[in-house]
N, C-alpha and C. Protein backbone atom coordinates (compact mmCIF):
# COMPACT_ATOMS: atom_id res chain seq x y z
N MET A 1 -58.36 201.31 53.13
CA MET A 1 -57.56 202.43 53.18
C MET A 1 -57.34 203.55 51.94
N ALA A 2 -57.73 204.62 52.16
CA ALA A 2 -57.59 205.43 50.80
C ALA A 2 -56.11 205.65 50.41
N VAL A 3 -55.60 205.84 49.29
CA VAL A 3 -54.52 205.93 48.38
C VAL A 3 -54.16 207.48 48.42
N HIS A 4 -52.92 207.89 48.84
CA HIS A 4 -52.76 209.42 48.91
C HIS A 4 -51.58 209.90 48.06
N GLY A 5 -51.84 210.75 46.98
CA GLY A 5 -50.79 211.00 46.28
C GLY A 5 -49.68 211.76 46.91
N ALA A 6 -48.64 211.77 46.13
CA ALA A 6 -47.52 211.88 47.33
C ALA A 6 -46.39 212.92 45.91
N LEU A 7 -45.29 213.62 46.57
CA LEU A 7 -44.22 214.02 45.90
C LEU A 7 -43.02 213.77 46.84
N PHE A 8 -42.14 213.34 46.23
CA PHE A 8 -41.15 212.58 46.71
C PHE A 8 -39.59 213.08 46.40
N GLU A 9 -38.91 213.47 47.11
CA GLU A 9 -37.56 214.02 46.48
C GLU A 9 -36.65 212.98 46.81
N TYR A 10 -35.72 212.65 46.03
CA TYR A 10 -34.52 211.90 46.03
C TYR A 10 -33.46 212.50 45.30
N SER A 11 -32.11 211.54 45.97
CA SER A 11 -30.73 212.18 45.68
C SER A 11 -30.00 210.97 44.94
N GLY A 12 -29.53 211.53 43.63
CA GLY A 12 -28.80 210.45 42.76
C GLY A 12 -29.28 209.40 42.47
N GLN A 13 -28.55 208.12 42.32
CA GLN A 13 -29.54 207.13 41.92
C GLN A 13 -30.23 206.22 43.05
N PHE A 14 -30.04 206.98 44.29
CA PHE A 14 -30.72 205.78 45.28
C PHE A 14 -31.37 206.88 46.33
N ILE A 15 -32.45 206.24 47.03
CA ILE A 15 -33.19 207.24 47.86
C ILE A 15 -32.53 207.15 48.89
N GLY A 16 -32.42 208.73 49.13
CA GLY A 16 -31.65 209.14 50.49
C GLY A 16 -32.05 208.25 52.02
N PRO A 17 -31.25 208.32 52.83
CA PRO A 17 -31.73 207.75 54.15
C PRO A 17 -32.77 208.39 54.85
N ILE A 18 -33.10 209.81 54.62
CA ILE A 18 -33.93 210.56 55.07
C ILE A 18 -34.82 211.39 54.09
N PRO A 19 -35.49 210.86 53.08
CA PRO A 19 -35.86 211.62 51.89
C PRO A 19 -37.06 212.51 52.49
N ASN A 20 -37.08 213.75 51.34
CA ASN A 20 -38.14 214.52 51.92
C ASN A 20 -39.27 214.44 50.90
N ILE A 21 -40.43 213.94 51.70
CA ILE A 21 -41.73 213.25 51.16
C ILE A 21 -42.88 214.41 51.73
N VAL A 22 -43.56 214.77 50.66
CA VAL A 22 -45.02 215.20 51.10
C VAL A 22 -46.21 214.70 50.67
N VAL A 23 -46.63 213.99 51.53
CA VAL A 23 -47.89 212.86 51.18
C VAL A 23 -49.26 214.01 51.32
N PHE A 24 -50.08 214.13 50.24
CA PHE A 24 -50.96 214.80 50.14
C PHE A 24 -52.25 214.55 51.33
N GLN A 25 -52.22 215.68 52.29
CA GLN A 25 -53.28 215.44 53.48
C GLN A 25 -54.65 215.22 52.79
N PHE A 26 -55.10 215.89 51.53
CA PHE A 26 -56.41 215.72 51.11
C PHE A 26 -55.93 215.49 49.67
N ASN A 27 -56.65 214.47 48.81
CA ASN A 27 -55.86 214.46 47.52
C ASN A 27 -56.98 215.29 46.62
N PRO A 28 -56.31 215.90 45.76
CA PRO A 28 -57.01 217.07 45.05
C PRO A 28 -58.11 216.41 44.19
N GLU A 29 -59.16 217.25 44.10
CA GLU A 29 -60.41 216.83 43.58
C GLU A 29 -60.12 216.85 41.78
N SER A 30 -59.09 217.20 41.27
CA SER A 30 -58.98 217.07 39.77
C SER A 30 -57.28 217.67 39.59
N LEU A 31 -57.03 217.17 38.33
CA LEU A 31 -55.78 217.30 37.74
C LEU A 31 -55.35 217.65 36.66
N ALA A 32 -55.05 218.75 36.13
CA ALA A 32 -55.16 219.40 34.98
C ALA A 32 -53.61 219.09 34.03
N ARG A 33 -53.93 218.61 33.12
CA ARG A 33 -52.82 218.44 32.31
C ARG A 33 -53.00 218.75 31.05
N THR A 34 -51.66 219.12 30.64
CA THR A 34 -51.21 219.90 28.95
C THR A 34 -50.17 219.03 28.40
N ILE A 35 -50.46 218.64 27.30
CA ILE A 35 -49.23 217.70 26.36
C ILE A 35 -48.96 218.59 25.45
N ARG A 36 -47.65 219.22 25.64
CA ARG A 36 -47.20 220.28 24.62
C ARG A 36 -46.38 219.57 23.31
N ILE A 37 -46.98 219.81 22.16
CA ILE A 37 -46.32 219.11 21.20
C ILE A 37 -45.39 220.19 20.43
N THR A 38 -44.34 219.58 20.24
CA THR A 38 -43.07 220.75 19.72
C THR A 38 -43.76 220.90 18.11
N PRO A 39 -43.66 222.18 17.79
CA PRO A 39 -44.08 222.39 16.37
C PRO A 39 -43.14 222.13 15.25
N PRO A 40 -43.35 221.30 14.18
CA PRO A 40 -42.51 220.96 13.26
C PRO A 40 -41.86 222.12 12.85
N ALA A 41 -40.83 222.11 11.91
CA ALA A 41 -39.55 222.90 11.22
C ALA A 41 -40.47 223.77 10.38
N ALA A 42 -39.78 225.01 10.44
CA ALA A 42 -40.25 226.23 9.66
C ALA A 42 -40.41 225.88 7.96
N GLU A 43 -41.25 226.62 7.58
CA GLU A 43 -41.59 226.33 5.97
C GLU A 43 -39.96 226.13 5.26
N GLY A 44 -39.14 227.21 5.44
CA GLY A 44 -38.06 227.17 4.58
C GLY A 44 -37.08 225.79 5.06
N ASP A 45 -37.18 225.19 5.98
CA ASP A 45 -36.35 224.20 6.77
C ASP A 45 -36.96 222.98 5.94
N ARG A 46 -38.48 222.77 6.10
CA ARG A 46 -39.24 221.82 5.55
C ARG A 46 -38.99 221.79 3.76
N GLY A 47 -38.72 222.95 3.36
CA GLY A 47 -38.77 222.84 1.97
C GLY A 47 -37.24 221.74 1.48
N ARG A 48 -36.54 222.01 2.39
CA ARG A 48 -35.14 221.19 2.20
C ARG A 48 -35.11 219.64 2.53
N ARG A 49 -36.13 219.27 3.29
CA ARG A 49 -36.43 218.08 3.64
C ARG A 49 -37.00 217.17 2.80
N ALA A 50 -36.58 216.01 2.85
CA ALA A 50 -37.45 214.74 2.31
C ALA A 50 -38.75 214.83 2.70
N GLN A 51 -39.57 214.30 1.52
CA GLN A 51 -40.95 214.30 2.12
C GLN A 51 -41.43 213.37 3.36
N GLY A 52 -40.49 212.46 3.58
CA GLY A 52 -40.92 211.43 4.56
C GLY A 52 -40.16 211.77 5.81
N GLU A 53 -39.41 213.07 5.93
CA GLU A 53 -39.24 213.69 7.03
C GLU A 53 -40.03 214.91 7.63
N ARG A 54 -40.91 215.27 6.64
CA ARG A 54 -41.82 216.29 7.28
C ARG A 54 -42.64 216.38 8.16
N SER A 55 -43.03 214.86 8.53
CA SER A 55 -44.19 214.68 9.61
C SER A 55 -43.22 214.32 11.06
N ALA A 56 -41.92 214.61 10.89
CA ALA A 56 -41.00 213.92 12.00
C ALA A 56 -41.30 215.19 12.80
N ALA A 57 -41.05 214.63 14.43
CA ALA A 57 -41.43 215.57 15.61
C ALA A 57 -39.99 216.15 15.91
N ALA A 58 -39.81 217.49 16.05
CA ALA A 58 -38.69 218.22 16.24
C ALA A 58 -38.18 217.65 17.68
N ALA A 59 -39.03 217.35 18.84
CA ALA A 59 -38.62 216.78 19.79
C ALA A 59 -39.77 216.21 20.46
N PRO A 60 -39.41 215.29 21.79
CA PRO A 60 -40.58 214.68 22.43
C PRO A 60 -41.73 215.77 22.84
N PRO A 61 -43.03 215.43 22.82
CA PRO A 61 -44.09 216.02 23.52
C PRO A 61 -43.75 216.30 25.08
N VAL A 62 -43.92 217.52 25.27
CA VAL A 62 -43.59 217.84 26.95
C VAL A 62 -44.91 217.86 27.75
N GLU A 63 -44.91 216.96 28.93
CA GLU A 63 -46.42 216.65 29.64
C GLU A 63 -46.31 217.68 30.98
N GLU A 64 -47.21 218.77 30.82
CA GLU A 64 -47.31 219.43 32.09
C GLU A 64 -48.65 219.50 32.91
N PHE A 65 -48.48 219.49 34.24
CA PHE A 65 -49.68 219.54 34.98
C PHE A 65 -49.67 220.33 36.09
N SER A 66 -51.00 220.54 36.90
CA SER A 66 -51.02 221.21 38.09
C SER A 66 -51.96 220.58 38.99
N VAL A 67 -51.49 220.62 40.32
CA VAL A 67 -52.61 220.08 41.32
C VAL A 67 -52.71 221.19 42.43
N LYS A 68 -53.80 220.93 43.03
CA LYS A 68 -54.08 222.19 44.06
C LYS A 68 -54.23 221.28 45.21
N LEU A 69 -53.23 221.63 46.47
CA LEU A 69 -53.59 221.06 47.54
C LEU A 69 -54.21 221.75 48.53
N ALA A 70 -54.62 221.34 49.47
CA ALA A 70 -55.47 221.95 50.74
C ALA A 70 -54.59 221.24 51.80
N LEU A 71 -54.18 222.35 52.54
CA LEU A 71 -53.47 221.83 53.78
C LEU A 71 -54.40 222.57 55.00
N SER A 72 -54.42 222.14 56.22
CA SER A 72 -55.24 221.97 57.33
C SER A 72 -54.54 221.50 58.65
N ALA A 73 -54.05 222.32 59.52
CA ALA A 73 -53.84 221.92 61.20
C ALA A 73 -55.01 221.24 61.62
N ALA A 74 -56.14 221.39 61.25
CA ALA A 74 -57.12 220.65 62.31
C ALA A 74 -57.20 219.33 62.46
N GLU A 75 -56.53 218.61 61.34
CA GLU A 75 -56.60 217.00 61.65
C GLU A 75 -55.68 216.74 62.82
N ASP A 76 -54.46 217.43 62.97
CA ASP A 76 -53.36 216.93 63.55
C ASP A 76 -54.05 217.70 64.92
N LEU A 77 -54.49 218.73 65.39
CA LEU A 77 -54.73 219.25 66.25
C LEU A 77 -56.17 218.67 67.17
N SER A 78 -57.03 218.04 66.17
CA SER A 78 -58.06 217.19 66.96
C SER A 78 -57.89 216.16 67.71
N THR A 79 -56.83 215.38 67.27
CA THR A 79 -56.38 214.06 67.90
C THR A 79 -55.10 213.95 68.31
N GLU A 80 -54.61 213.56 69.37
CA GLU A 80 -53.29 213.40 69.68
C GLU A 80 -52.36 212.24 68.83
N GLY A 81 -51.40 212.50 68.40
CA GLY A 81 -50.54 211.83 67.63
C GLY A 81 -48.99 212.23 67.58
N PRO A 82 -48.25 211.62 67.05
CA PRO A 82 -46.98 211.91 67.21
C PRO A 82 -46.31 213.25 66.64
N PHE A 83 -47.24 213.80 65.91
CA PHE A 83 -46.82 215.26 65.34
C PHE A 83 -47.75 216.49 65.84
N THR A 84 -48.40 216.15 67.05
CA THR A 84 -49.36 216.89 67.15
C THR A 84 -48.42 218.25 67.98
N GLY A 85 -47.52 217.95 68.59
CA GLY A 85 -46.69 218.97 69.01
C GLY A 85 -45.95 219.73 68.35
N VAL A 86 -45.52 219.37 67.13
CA VAL A 86 -44.86 220.29 65.93
C VAL A 86 -46.11 220.96 65.23
N THR A 87 -47.29 220.40 64.93
CA THR A 87 -48.48 221.38 64.67
C THR A 87 -48.75 222.69 65.21
N ARG A 88 -48.55 222.07 66.87
CA ARG A 88 -49.24 223.21 67.83
C ARG A 88 -48.09 224.49 67.88
N THR A 89 -46.82 224.05 67.55
CA THR A 89 -45.76 225.09 67.52
C THR A 89 -45.61 226.02 66.26
N PHE A 90 -45.70 224.92 65.11
CA PHE A 90 -45.37 225.69 63.58
C PHE A 90 -46.76 225.54 62.77
N GLY A 91 -47.63 225.07 63.28
CA GLY A 91 -49.10 224.90 62.23
C GLY A 91 -48.52 224.16 60.87
N ILE A 92 -49.09 224.29 59.76
CA ILE A 92 -48.67 223.82 58.62
C ILE A 92 -47.32 224.30 58.00
N GLY A 93 -46.79 224.94 58.70
CA GLY A 93 -45.64 225.52 58.56
C GLY A 93 -44.31 224.29 57.69
N PRO A 94 -44.61 223.26 58.49
CA PRO A 94 -43.44 222.57 57.93
C PRO A 94 -43.93 221.88 56.49
N GLN A 95 -44.93 221.49 56.22
CA GLN A 95 -45.73 221.12 54.74
C GLN A 95 -45.18 222.09 53.98
N ILE A 96 -45.45 223.38 54.12
CA ILE A 96 -45.31 224.33 53.05
C ILE A 96 -43.66 224.38 53.03
N ALA A 97 -42.85 224.36 54.00
CA ALA A 97 -41.33 224.47 53.76
C ALA A 97 -41.14 223.40 53.21
N ALA A 98 -41.28 221.91 53.29
CA ALA A 98 -40.89 221.05 52.62
C ALA A 98 -41.37 220.93 51.21
N LEU A 99 -42.47 221.52 50.91
CA LEU A 99 -42.79 222.04 49.55
C LEU A 99 -42.10 223.07 48.71
N GLU A 100 -41.37 224.23 49.50
CA GLU A 100 -40.63 224.94 48.99
C GLU A 100 -39.11 224.40 48.89
N LYS A 101 -38.78 223.37 49.68
CA LYS A 101 -37.42 223.08 49.42
C LYS A 101 -37.48 222.18 47.92
N MET A 102 -38.38 221.75 47.81
CA MET A 102 -38.29 220.91 46.33
C MET A 102 -38.30 221.78 45.02
N ALA A 103 -38.62 223.19 45.25
CA ALA A 103 -38.89 224.09 44.17
C ALA A 103 -37.42 225.29 44.21
N TYR A 104 -36.24 224.78 44.88
CA TYR A 104 -35.35 225.33 45.05
C TYR A 104 -33.82 224.69 44.70
N PRO A 105 -32.87 225.11 44.09
CA PRO A 105 -31.78 224.20 43.99
C PRO A 105 -31.15 223.69 45.11
N ALA A 106 -30.61 222.46 45.24
CA ALA A 106 -30.12 221.89 46.42
C ALA A 106 -29.05 222.30 46.88
N GLY A 107 -28.05 223.22 46.20
CA GLY A 107 -26.83 223.92 46.74
C GLY A 107 -27.00 225.06 47.29
N GLY A 108 -25.95 225.57 47.69
CA GLY A 108 -25.95 226.88 48.18
C GLY A 108 -25.41 227.02 49.72
N GLY A 109 -25.50 225.53 50.22
CA GLY A 109 -25.18 225.89 51.77
C GLY A 109 -25.85 226.06 52.68
N GLY A 110 -27.16 226.86 52.45
CA GLY A 110 -28.13 226.96 53.18
C GLY A 110 -27.79 228.43 53.59
N LEU A 111 -28.01 228.86 55.04
CA LEU A 111 -27.91 230.08 55.57
C LEU A 111 -26.54 230.42 55.79
N ILE A 112 -25.68 229.48 56.07
CA ILE A 112 -24.21 229.95 56.28
C ILE A 112 -23.75 230.31 55.19
N GLY A 113 -23.93 229.53 54.00
CA GLY A 113 -23.56 229.35 52.49
C GLY A 113 -23.73 230.78 52.02
N ALA A 114 -25.12 231.20 51.89
CA ALA A 114 -25.54 232.59 51.92
C ALA A 114 -24.58 233.54 52.42
N ALA A 115 -24.65 233.44 53.68
CA ALA A 115 -23.77 234.67 54.54
C ALA A 115 -22.24 234.88 54.04
N ILE A 116 -21.73 233.64 53.50
CA ILE A 116 -20.35 233.76 53.23
C ILE A 116 -20.40 234.25 51.61
N ASP A 117 -21.38 233.73 51.00
CA ASP A 117 -21.27 234.29 49.52
C ASP A 117 -21.74 235.95 49.69
N ALA A 118 -22.18 236.41 50.34
CA ALA A 118 -22.65 237.70 50.21
C ALA A 118 -21.48 238.51 51.08
N ILE A 119 -20.94 237.84 51.90
CA ILE A 119 -19.50 238.44 52.62
C ILE A 119 -18.34 238.71 51.31
N GLY A 120 -18.14 237.48 50.29
CA GLY A 120 -17.28 237.50 49.53
C GLY A 120 -17.63 238.31 48.37
N SER A 121 -19.04 238.70 48.19
CA SER A 121 -19.46 239.84 46.84
C SER A 121 -19.10 240.95 47.62
N ALA A 122 -19.16 241.30 48.87
CA ALA A 122 -18.79 242.79 49.23
C ALA A 122 -17.36 243.01 49.58
N LEU A 123 -16.60 241.98 49.67
CA LEU A 123 -15.15 242.24 49.40
C LEU A 123 -14.61 242.26 48.04
N SER A 124 -15.41 241.47 47.24
CA SER A 124 -14.84 241.64 45.72
C SER A 124 -15.07 243.22 45.22
N SER A 125 -16.58 243.50 45.62
CA SER A 125 -16.86 244.83 45.33
C SER A 125 -16.03 245.99 45.56
N ALA A 126 -15.50 245.98 47.24
CA ALA A 126 -14.70 246.87 47.63
C ALA A 126 -13.30 246.88 46.88
N THR A 127 -12.60 245.75 46.73
CA THR A 127 -11.67 245.39 46.10
C THR A 127 -11.41 245.66 44.41
N GLY A 128 -12.70 245.56 43.93
CA GLY A 128 -12.54 245.83 42.23
C GLY A 128 -12.36 244.62 41.94
N ALA A 129 -12.30 243.32 42.52
CA ALA A 129 -11.69 242.04 41.94
C ALA A 129 -12.84 241.27 41.25
N GLY A 130 -12.60 241.20 40.09
CA GLY A 130 -13.92 240.27 39.50
C GLY A 130 -13.69 238.80 40.06
N ALA A 131 -14.76 238.08 39.44
CA ALA A 131 -15.00 236.53 39.98
C ALA A 131 -13.82 235.81 39.27
N THR A 132 -13.12 235.01 39.88
CA THR A 132 -11.82 234.24 39.33
C THR A 132 -12.05 232.82 38.88
N ARG A 133 -13.47 232.13 39.22
CA ARG A 133 -13.84 230.97 38.55
C ARG A 133 -15.25 231.03 38.29
N PRO A 134 -15.64 230.16 37.13
CA PRO A 134 -17.07 230.17 36.57
C PRO A 134 -17.77 229.44 37.94
N ILE A 135 -19.20 229.97 38.16
CA ILE A 135 -20.08 229.58 39.21
C ILE A 135 -21.00 228.28 38.23
N PRO A 136 -20.88 227.02 38.92
CA PRO A 136 -21.53 225.89 38.39
C PRO A 136 -23.08 226.19 38.47
N ARG A 137 -23.53 225.68 37.20
CA ARG A 137 -24.81 225.77 37.28
C ARG A 137 -25.87 224.81 38.66
N GLU A 138 -26.67 225.36 39.48
CA GLU A 138 -27.08 224.73 40.40
C GLU A 138 -28.52 223.78 39.78
N GLN A 139 -28.38 222.41 40.43
CA GLN A 139 -29.20 221.47 39.93
C GLN A 139 -30.71 221.44 41.04
N LEU A 140 -31.59 221.35 40.29
CA LEU A 140 -32.99 221.40 40.83
C LEU A 140 -33.13 220.09 41.53
N PRO A 141 -33.64 220.03 42.54
CA PRO A 141 -34.24 218.64 43.29
C PRO A 141 -34.79 217.36 42.31
N LYS A 142 -34.33 216.26 42.52
CA LYS A 142 -35.05 215.23 41.60
C LYS A 142 -36.16 214.86 42.37
N LEU A 143 -37.41 215.02 41.67
CA LEU A 143 -38.85 214.55 42.34
C LEU A 143 -39.42 213.32 41.35
N LEU A 144 -39.99 212.81 42.38
CA LEU A 144 -41.27 211.74 41.95
C LEU A 144 -42.68 212.17 42.13
N PHE A 145 -43.44 212.10 41.19
CA PHE A 145 -45.01 212.54 41.44
C PHE A 145 -45.49 211.38 41.52
N ILE A 146 -46.05 211.04 42.42
CA ILE A 146 -46.75 209.52 42.73
C ILE A 146 -48.58 209.81 42.65
N TRP A 147 -48.96 209.32 41.89
CA TRP A 147 -50.62 209.24 41.92
C TRP A 147 -51.08 208.08 41.72
N GLY A 148 -51.23 207.21 42.86
CA GLY A 148 -51.86 205.86 42.34
C GLY A 148 -50.65 205.00 41.82
N PRO A 149 -51.12 203.74 41.59
CA PRO A 149 -50.30 202.45 41.17
C PRO A 149 -49.83 202.57 39.59
N THR A 150 -50.55 203.68 39.05
CA THR A 150 -50.47 203.50 37.54
C THR A 150 -49.61 205.04 37.19
N ARG A 151 -49.52 205.67 37.99
CA ARG A 151 -48.57 206.79 37.48
C ARG A 151 -47.42 207.38 38.62
N VAL A 152 -46.62 206.98 38.33
CA VAL A 152 -45.27 207.26 38.80
C VAL A 152 -44.60 207.95 37.72
N LEU A 153 -44.36 209.32 38.23
CA LEU A 153 -43.55 210.35 37.12
C LEU A 153 -42.30 210.96 37.58
N PRO A 154 -41.00 211.24 37.17
CA PRO A 154 -40.00 211.95 37.46
C PRO A 154 -40.55 213.67 36.99
N VAL A 155 -40.33 214.39 37.90
CA VAL A 155 -40.98 215.94 37.77
C VAL A 155 -39.80 216.74 38.34
N SER A 156 -40.28 218.25 37.56
CA SER A 156 -39.69 219.26 38.29
C SER A 156 -40.70 220.37 38.37
N ILE A 157 -40.37 221.22 39.55
CA ILE A 157 -41.67 222.05 40.04
C ILE A 157 -41.59 223.26 39.03
N THR A 158 -42.65 223.74 38.35
CA THR A 158 -42.30 224.99 37.48
C THR A 158 -42.96 226.08 38.11
N SER A 159 -43.74 225.98 38.99
CA SER A 159 -44.60 227.10 39.90
C SER A 159 -45.17 226.66 40.96
N LEU A 160 -45.09 227.44 41.80
CA LEU A 160 -45.83 227.19 43.19
C LEU A 160 -46.47 228.22 43.76
N ARG A 161 -47.93 228.23 43.80
CA ARG A 161 -48.61 229.50 44.25
C ARG A 161 -49.14 228.97 45.96
N ILE A 162 -48.86 229.70 46.69
CA ILE A 162 -49.30 229.56 48.19
C ILE A 162 -50.23 230.55 48.69
N SER A 163 -51.44 230.14 48.96
CA SER A 163 -52.44 231.06 49.58
C SER A 163 -52.47 230.80 50.95
N GLU A 164 -52.01 231.13 51.91
CA GLU A 164 -52.10 230.89 53.33
C GLU A 164 -53.63 231.89 53.78
N GLN A 165 -54.23 231.13 54.28
CA GLN A 165 -55.50 231.31 54.47
C GLN A 165 -56.35 231.59 56.01
N GLU A 166 -55.61 230.94 56.75
CA GLU A 166 -55.88 231.04 58.46
C GLU A 166 -54.34 231.10 59.08
N TYR A 167 -54.70 231.82 60.55
CA TYR A 167 -53.41 231.66 61.30
C TYR A 167 -53.70 231.43 62.66
N ASP A 168 -52.98 230.83 63.32
CA ASP A 168 -53.15 230.59 64.84
C ASP A 168 -52.58 231.74 65.61
N ASN A 169 -52.56 231.79 66.83
CA ASN A 169 -52.22 232.88 67.95
C ASN A 169 -50.56 233.54 67.47
N THR A 170 -50.02 232.54 67.11
CA THR A 170 -48.64 233.11 66.81
C THR A 170 -48.33 233.58 65.21
N LEU A 171 -49.36 233.83 64.74
CA LEU A 171 -49.28 233.95 63.13
C LEU A 171 -48.84 232.64 62.32
N ASN A 172 -48.78 231.59 62.87
CA ASN A 172 -48.18 230.53 61.77
C ASN A 172 -49.63 230.12 60.88
N PRO A 173 -49.33 229.83 59.83
CA PRO A 173 -50.29 229.26 58.96
C PRO A 173 -51.04 227.84 59.48
N SER A 174 -52.14 227.87 59.54
CA SER A 174 -53.16 226.90 60.18
C SER A 174 -54.04 226.43 59.04
N ARG A 175 -54.03 226.92 57.74
CA ARG A 175 -54.71 226.67 56.65
C ARG A 175 -54.55 227.26 55.35
N ALA A 176 -54.12 226.41 54.40
CA ALA A 176 -53.48 227.08 53.28
C ALA A 176 -54.21 226.12 51.97
N GLU A 177 -53.82 226.90 50.57
CA GLU A 177 -54.00 226.21 49.50
C GLU A 177 -52.99 226.41 48.72
N VAL A 178 -52.28 225.48 48.35
CA VAL A 178 -51.08 225.50 47.50
C VAL A 178 -51.43 224.71 46.16
N GLU A 179 -51.18 225.64 45.10
CA GLU A 179 -51.15 225.26 43.77
C GLU A 179 -49.79 225.08 43.11
N ILE A 180 -49.40 223.78 42.58
CA ILE A 180 -48.32 223.31 42.19
C ILE A 180 -48.20 223.07 40.70
N GLY A 181 -47.45 223.78 39.87
CA GLY A 181 -47.10 223.51 38.62
C GLY A 181 -45.93 222.48 38.20
N LEU A 182 -46.19 221.53 37.48
CA LEU A 182 -45.21 220.35 37.36
C LEU A 182 -45.02 219.91 36.03
N ARG A 183 -43.56 219.63 35.50
CA ARG A 183 -43.27 219.28 34.05
C ARG A 183 -42.88 218.10 34.30
N VAL A 184 -43.29 217.02 33.58
CA VAL A 184 -42.46 215.69 33.46
C VAL A 184 -41.03 215.73 32.83
N ALA A 185 -40.08 215.27 33.08
CA ALA A 185 -39.11 215.07 32.61
C ALA A 185 -38.69 213.93 31.58
N GLU A 186 -39.22 214.19 30.25
CA GLU A 186 -39.57 213.26 29.47
C GLU A 186 -37.97 212.51 28.84
N VAL A 187 -36.90 213.14 29.27
CA VAL A 187 -35.48 212.58 28.84
C VAL A 187 -34.71 212.72 30.05
N PRO A 188 -34.93 211.83 31.12
CA PRO A 188 -33.80 211.85 32.21
C PRO A 188 -32.34 212.04 32.14
N ALA A 189 -31.65 212.35 32.98
CA ALA A 189 -30.25 212.32 32.87
C ALA A 189 -29.67 210.98 32.75
N SER A 190 -28.60 210.47 32.06
CA SER A 190 -28.18 208.87 31.89
C SER A 190 -28.11 208.25 33.30
N ASP A 191 -27.55 209.16 34.38
CA ASP A 191 -27.44 208.61 35.56
C ASP A 191 -28.38 208.50 36.45
N ASP A 192 -29.44 208.88 35.99
CA ASP A 192 -30.92 208.85 36.98
C ASP A 192 -31.53 207.79 36.83
N LEU A 193 -31.32 206.55 37.43
CA LEU A 193 -31.87 205.60 37.21
C LEU A 193 -33.29 205.33 37.66
N ILE A 194 -33.52 206.13 38.75
CA ILE A 194 -34.73 206.08 39.39
C ILE A 194 -35.79 206.89 38.23
N ALA A 195 -35.30 208.06 37.96
CA ALA A 195 -36.44 208.62 37.15
C ALA A 195 -36.42 207.67 35.50
N GLN A 196 -35.45 207.29 35.07
CA GLN A 196 -35.75 206.20 33.98
C GLN A 196 -36.40 205.18 34.37
N GLY A 197 -36.66 204.67 35.24
CA GLY A 197 -37.14 203.52 35.72
C GLY A 197 -38.61 203.81 35.91
N ALA A 198 -38.85 204.79 36.68
CA ALA A 198 -40.24 205.54 36.77
C ALA A 198 -41.00 205.71 35.44
N LEU A 199 -40.17 206.65 34.32
CA LEU A 199 -40.85 206.88 33.32
C LEU A 199 -40.98 205.54 32.53
N MET A 200 -40.21 204.68 32.48
CA MET A 200 -40.55 203.34 31.78
C MET A 200 -41.76 202.88 32.30
N TYR A 201 -41.59 202.47 33.51
CA TYR A 201 -42.89 201.91 34.02
C TYR A 201 -44.15 202.60 33.76
N THR A 202 -44.41 203.94 33.85
CA THR A 202 -45.47 204.67 33.72
C THR A 202 -46.16 204.38 32.15
N LYS A 203 -44.67 204.80 31.29
CA LYS A 203 -45.18 204.61 29.85
C LYS A 203 -45.68 202.99 29.48
N THR A 204 -45.33 202.05 30.02
CA THR A 204 -45.66 200.68 30.10
C THR A 204 -46.91 200.40 30.62
N VAL A 205 -47.47 201.04 31.40
CA VAL A 205 -48.87 201.32 31.96
C VAL A 205 -50.01 201.98 31.06
N LYS A 206 -49.26 202.83 30.61
CA LYS A 206 -50.29 203.62 29.47
C LYS A 206 -50.34 202.84 28.26
N GLU A 207 -49.45 202.13 27.57
CA GLU A 207 -49.16 201.33 26.62
C GLU A 207 -50.51 200.16 26.85
N ALA A 208 -50.23 199.67 27.88
CA ALA A 208 -51.25 198.52 28.28
C ALA A 208 -52.76 198.98 28.40
N GLN A 209 -52.84 200.20 28.95
CA GLN A 209 -54.15 200.92 28.88
C GLN A 209 -54.50 201.08 27.01
N ALA A 210 -53.58 201.55 26.41
CA ALA A 210 -53.91 201.99 24.90
C ALA A 210 -54.44 200.33 24.47
N ILE A 211 -53.42 199.54 24.51
CA ILE A 211 -54.05 198.36 23.73
C ILE A 211 -55.59 197.55 24.38
N ALA A 212 -55.55 197.70 25.62
CA ALA A 212 -57.04 197.56 26.04
C ALA A 212 -57.88 198.22 25.26
N GLN A 213 -57.76 199.44 25.05
CA GLN A 213 -58.95 200.41 24.51
C GLN A 213 -58.85 200.05 22.87
N MET A 214 -57.87 199.46 22.40
CA MET A 214 -57.75 199.16 21.00
C MET A 214 -58.56 198.00 20.84
N ALA A 215 -58.52 197.16 21.76
CA ALA A 215 -59.59 195.89 21.87
C ALA A 215 -61.08 196.28 21.56
N ARG A 216 -61.35 197.13 22.69
CA ARG A 216 -62.50 197.72 22.70
C ARG A 216 -63.18 198.25 21.28
N GLY A 217 -62.22 199.16 20.72
CA GLY A 217 -62.60 200.00 19.61
C GLY A 217 -62.66 199.02 18.50
N ILE A 218 -62.02 198.04 18.24
CA ILE A 218 -62.15 197.04 17.24
C ILE A 218 -63.42 196.37 17.43
N ALA A 219 -63.88 195.90 18.68
CA ALA A 219 -65.36 195.06 18.88
C ALA A 219 -66.40 196.07 18.50
N SER A 220 -66.08 197.40 18.59
CA SER A 220 -67.56 198.58 18.09
C SER A 220 -67.26 198.73 16.61
N LEU A 221 -66.33 198.29 15.95
CA LEU A 221 -66.40 198.77 14.57
C LEU A 221 -67.78 198.36 13.94
N PRO A 222 -68.52 197.21 14.13
CA PRO A 222 -69.74 196.88 13.61
C PRO A 222 -70.67 197.89 13.86
N ASP A 223 -70.34 198.64 14.74
CA ASP A 223 -71.70 199.75 15.37
C ASP A 223 -71.31 200.93 14.55
N ILE A 224 -70.20 201.18 13.94
CA ILE A 224 -69.79 202.50 13.54
C ILE A 224 -69.64 202.64 11.84
N LEU A 225 -69.28 201.03 11.32
CA LEU A 225 -69.16 201.06 9.76
C LEU A 225 -70.34 199.88 9.41
N PRO A 226 -70.63 200.54 8.25
CA PRO A 226 -71.89 199.58 7.52
C PRO A 226 -71.39 198.80 6.57
N ILE A 227 -70.95 197.40 7.24
CA ILE A 227 -70.59 196.31 6.65
C ILE A 227 -71.32 195.20 7.21
């Protein structure tokens, strides 16, 4: 049975009873990764530092990557299954909606909350009253990017480009391509135990792979050094 990649939304320190999960219908053929290195301090600052500190990193590298997902209603519609009725009604709209939900802050109270906020803003404008309390910063959903048994990473969505390519008779999308930009949370919040555990697990796997490669490199020394 083939292993599929996935994006997994969770809440707090524990996985909720009904988590938002998007399992990749078709695994992407490629995954573009970029590791951004924080530049060292400016020349004026470095002149005031000790020689041993000049090569110190200003911050940990940041890993970003993008995946391109293909979505299609054909698979559900070709065989009867538990989700065939949903696909007939909405096409691939539910999969797209689940991905969009991962890109927006979890707060706000949905449509009802938005309506109440709009009414409050209108009343404040009419009476000339300003805000009486600060608006708290909204938190983005906590996500895990799962790509096989060796990569489980805490991420946030940085971009979401949706190309709807075909529609059914009621104009629901039936085929689409979604390009997702992701950033790895290199320093998870202190209370986010899931993110910390996932990051530590993936780093441990990478270190084990690097050690295996070091052994291969040592064995190759006679071939590259005239000794």
